[in-house]
Amino acid sequence: MRSRYTAFVRGDGDYLAATWHPGTRPDDTAPDAELRWTGLDILDAPPPSPKRGVVEFIARYRSAGNAGQLHERSRFVFQSGRWWYLDGATPGDGSMAGS
């Protein structure tokens, strides 16, 4: 999770693509160049099962002089000998509980 946040900070879309599960990865993984990421707080990271993991976080950013944040519960899956980012849910989209 922290390495993916660092990739967003650095604008490293190649790393984001390489760590995103091919079954859920969008065609364009380039980070939004208008966002300046300013901090990451891990809210919950229960011990993963052998094949699944979840990390809930808040990532703060600035854009056009305004502060904002992304609150997400990310799901990861262990396949082919490595961890992949699968997808994420945000409050209000109805899918955060029970990830």
C-alpha atoms as a PDB file:
ATOM      1  CA  MET A   1       0.000   0.000   0.000  1.00  0.00           C
ATOM      2  CA  ARG A   2       2.705   2.473   0.960  1.00  0.00           C
ATOM      3  CA  SER A   3       4.642   1.744  -2.224  1.00  0.00           C
ATOM      4  CA  ARG A   4       1.551   2.502  -4.315  1.00  0.00           C
ATOM      5  CA  TYR A   5       1.045   5.787  -2.445  1.00  0.00           C
ATOM      6  CA  THR A   6       4.687   6.652  -3.191  1.00  0.00           C
ATOM      7  CA  ALA A   7       4.062   5.898  -6.870  1.00  0.00           C
ATOM      8  CA  PHE A   8       1.144   8.365  -6.837  1.00  0.00           C
ATOM      9  CA  VAL A   9       3.387  10.995  -5.187  1.00  0.00           C
ATOM     10  CA  ARG A  10       6.090  10.466  -7.820  1.00  0.00           C
ATOM     11  CA  GLY A  11       3.667  10.203 -10.734  1.00  0.00           C
ATOM     12  CA  ASP A  12       4.883   6.678 -11.520  1.00  0.00           C
ATOM     13  CA  GLY A  13       2.044   5.232 -13.596  1.00  0.00           C
ATOM     14  CA  ASP A  14       4.236   2.321 -14.720  1.00  0.00           C
ATOM     15  CA  TYR A  15       4.581   1.103 -11.125  1.00  0.00           C
ATOM     16  CA  LEU A  16       0.872   1.535 -10.522  1.00  0.00           C
ATOM     17  CA  ALA A  17       0.127  -0.559 -13.628  1.00  0.00           C
ATOM     18  CA  ALA A  18       2.654  -3.215 -12.589  1.00  0.00           C
ATOM     19  CA  THR A  19       1.048  -3.629  -9.145  1.00  0.00           C
ATOM     20  CA  TRP A  20      -2.609  -3.463 -10.281  1.00  0.00           C
ATOM     21  CA  HIS A  21      -4.302  -6.810 -10.915  1.00  0.00           C
ATOM     22  CA  PRO A  22      -4.634  -7.293 -14.690  1.00  0.00           C
ATOM     23  CA  GLY A  23      -8.304  -8.260 -14.284  1.00  0.00           C
ATOM     24  CA  THR A  24      -9.257  -4.899 -12.752  1.00  0.00           C
ATOM     25  CA  ARG A  25      -6.561  -2.544 -14.050  1.00  0.00           C
ATOM     26  CA  PRO A  26      -7.845   0.361 -16.171  1.00  0.00           C
ATOM     27  CA  ASP A  27      -6.190   1.169 -19.481  1.00  0.00           C
ATOM     28  CA  ASP A  28      -4.797   4.452 -18.124  1.00  0.00           C
ATOM     29  CA  THR A  29      -3.016   4.254 -14.761  1.00  0.00           C
ATOM     30  CA  ALA A  30      -1.279   7.630 -15.013  1.00  0.00           C
ATOM     31  CA  PRO A  31      -1.791   9.612 -11.799  1.00  0.00           C
ATOM     32  CA  ASP A  32      -3.579  12.959 -12.006  1.00  0.00           C
ATOM     33  CA  ALA A  33      -0.769  15.482 -12.505  1.00  0.00           C
ATOM     34  CA  GLU A  34      -2.895  18.225 -10.897  1.00  0.00           C
ATOM     35  CA  LEU A  35      -2.859  16.500  -7.487  1.00  0.00           C
ATOM     36  CA  ARG A  36      -0.016  16.993  -5.020  1.00  0.00           C
ATOM     37  CA  TRP A  37      -0.187  14.192  -2.464  1.00  0.00           C
ATOM     38  CA  THR A  38       0.609  15.452   1.030  1.00  0.00           C
ATOM     39  CA  GLY A  39       0.138  12.560   3.458  1.00  0.00           C
ATOM     40  CA  LEU A  40      -1.026   9.028   4.109  1.00  0.00           C
ATOM     41  CA  ASP A  41      -2.719   7.625   7.207  1.00  0.00           C
ATOM     42  CA  ILE A  42      -3.347   3.880   7.451  1.00  0.00           C
ATOM     43  CA  LEU A  43      -6.591   3.459   9.401  1.00  0.00           C
ATOM     44  CA  ASP A  44      -6.899  -0.328   9.360  1.00  0.00           C
ATOM     45  CA  ALA A  45      -4.753  -3.148   8.042  1.00  0.00           C
ATOM     46  CA  PRO A  46      -5.886  -6.426   9.573  1.00  0.00           C
ATOM     47  CA  PRO A  47      -3.493  -9.345   9.142  1.00  0.00           C
ATOM     48  CA  PRO A  48      -4.058 -10.722   5.648  1.00  0.00           C
ATOM     49  CA  SER A  49      -5.220 -14.233   4.912  1.00  0.00           C
ATOM     50  CA  PRO A  50      -2.850 -16.248   2.728  1.00  0.00           C
ATOM     51  CA  LYS A  51      -4.592 -14.976  -0.427  1.00  0.00           C
ATOM     52  CA  ARG A  52      -6.440 -11.744   0.486  1.00  0.00           C
ATOM     53  CA  GLY A  53      -5.642  -8.496   2.249  1.00  0.00           C
ATOM     54  CA  VAL A  54      -7.375  -5.201   3.014  1.00  0.00           C
ATOM     55  CA  VAL A  55      -5.980  -1.779   3.864  1.00  0.00           C
ATOM     56  CA  GLU A  56      -8.145   1.191   4.811  1.00  0.00           C
ATOM     57  CA  PHE A  57      -6.458   4.561   4.467  1.00  0.00           C
ATOM     58  CA  ILE A  58      -6.858   8.283   4.027  1.00  0.00           C
ATOM     59  CA  ALA A  59      -4.520   9.973   1.539  1.00  0.00           C
ATOM     60  CA  ARG A  60      -4.434  13.768   1.599  1.00  0.00           C
ATOM     61  CA  TYR A  61      -3.773  15.960  -1.410  1.00  0.00           C
ATOM     62  CA  ARG A  62      -3.848  19.525  -2.712  1.00  0.00           C
ATOM     63  CA  SER A  63      -5.242  20.541  -6.074  1.00  0.00           C
ATOM     64  CA  ALA A  64      -5.580  24.086  -7.414  1.00  0.00           C
ATOM     65  CA  GLY A  65      -4.856  25.399  -3.917  1.00  0.00           C
ATOM     66  CA  ASN A  66      -7.607  23.317  -2.296  1.00  0.00           C
ATOM     67  CA  ALA A  67      -7.080  20.494   0.181  1.00  0.00           C
ATOM     68  CA  GLY A  68      -8.816  17.163  -0.255  1.00  0.00           C
ATOM     69  CA  GLN A  69      -8.579  13.559   0.766  1.00  0.00           C
ATOM     70  CA  LEU A  70      -9.206  10.085  -0.575  1.00  0.00           C
ATOM     71  CA  HIS A  71     -10.663   7.616   1.938  1.00  0.00           C
ATOM     72  CA  GLU A  72     -10.523   4.093   0.560  1.00  0.00           C
ATOM     73  CA  ARG A  73     -10.664   0.497   1.679  1.00  0.00           C
ATOM     74  CA  SER A  74      -8.339  -1.248  -0.774  1.00  0.00           C
ATOM     75  CA  ARG A  75      -8.450  -4.951  -1.503  1.00  0.00           C
ATOM     76  CA  PHE A  76      -5.343  -6.920  -2.419  1.00  0.00           C
ATOM     77  CA  VAL A  77      -4.997 -10.474  -3.697  1.00  0.00           C
ATOM     78  CA  PHE A  78      -1.975 -12.790  -3.625  1.00  0.00           C
ATOM     79  CA  GLN A  79      -1.535 -14.533  -6.981  1.00  0.00           C
ATOM     80  CA  SER A  80       1.404 -15.800  -9.010  1.00  0.00           C
ATOM     81  CA  GLY A  81       3.722 -15.351  -6.040  1.00  0.00           C
ATOM     82  CA  ARG A  82       2.977 -11.667  -5.435  1.00  0.00           C
ATOM     83  CA  TRP A  83       0.448  -9.186  -4.028  1.00  0.00           C
ATOM     84  CA  TRP A  84      -1.739  -7.215  -6.442  1.00  0.00           C
ATOM     85  CA  TYR A  85      -4.013  -4.227  -5.844  1.00  0.00           C
ATOM     86  CA  LEU A  86      -7.469  -5.507  -6.797  1.00  0.00           C
ATOM     87  CA  ASP A  87      -9.842  -2.592  -6.197  1.00  0.00           C
ATOM     88  CA  GLY A  88     -11.040  -0.113  -3.618  1.00  0.00           C
ATOM     89  CA  ALA A  89     -14.257   1.080  -2.061  1.00  0.00           C
ATOM     90  CA  THR A  90     -14.977   4.529  -0.690  1.00  0.00           C
ATOM     91  CA  PRO A  91     -17.498   5.658   1.931  1.00  0.00           C
ATOM     92  CA  GLY A  92     -20.807   6.344   0.302  1.00  0.00           C
ATOM     93  CA  ASP A  93     -20.439   3.921  -2.587  1.00  0.00           C
ATOM     94  CA  GLY A  94     -22.135   1.201  -0.524  1.00  0.00           C
ATOM     95  CA  SER A  95     -19.331  -1.326  -0.761  1.00  0.00           C
ATOM     96  CA  MET A  96     -16.953  -0.511   2.118  1.00  0.00           C
ATOM     97  CA  ALA A  97     -18.437  -2.839   4.710  1.00  0.00           C
ATOM     98  CA  GLY A  98     -17.240  -6.398   4.660  1.00  0.00           C
ATOM     99  CA  SER A  99     -14.413  -5.938   2.160  1.00  0.00           C
END
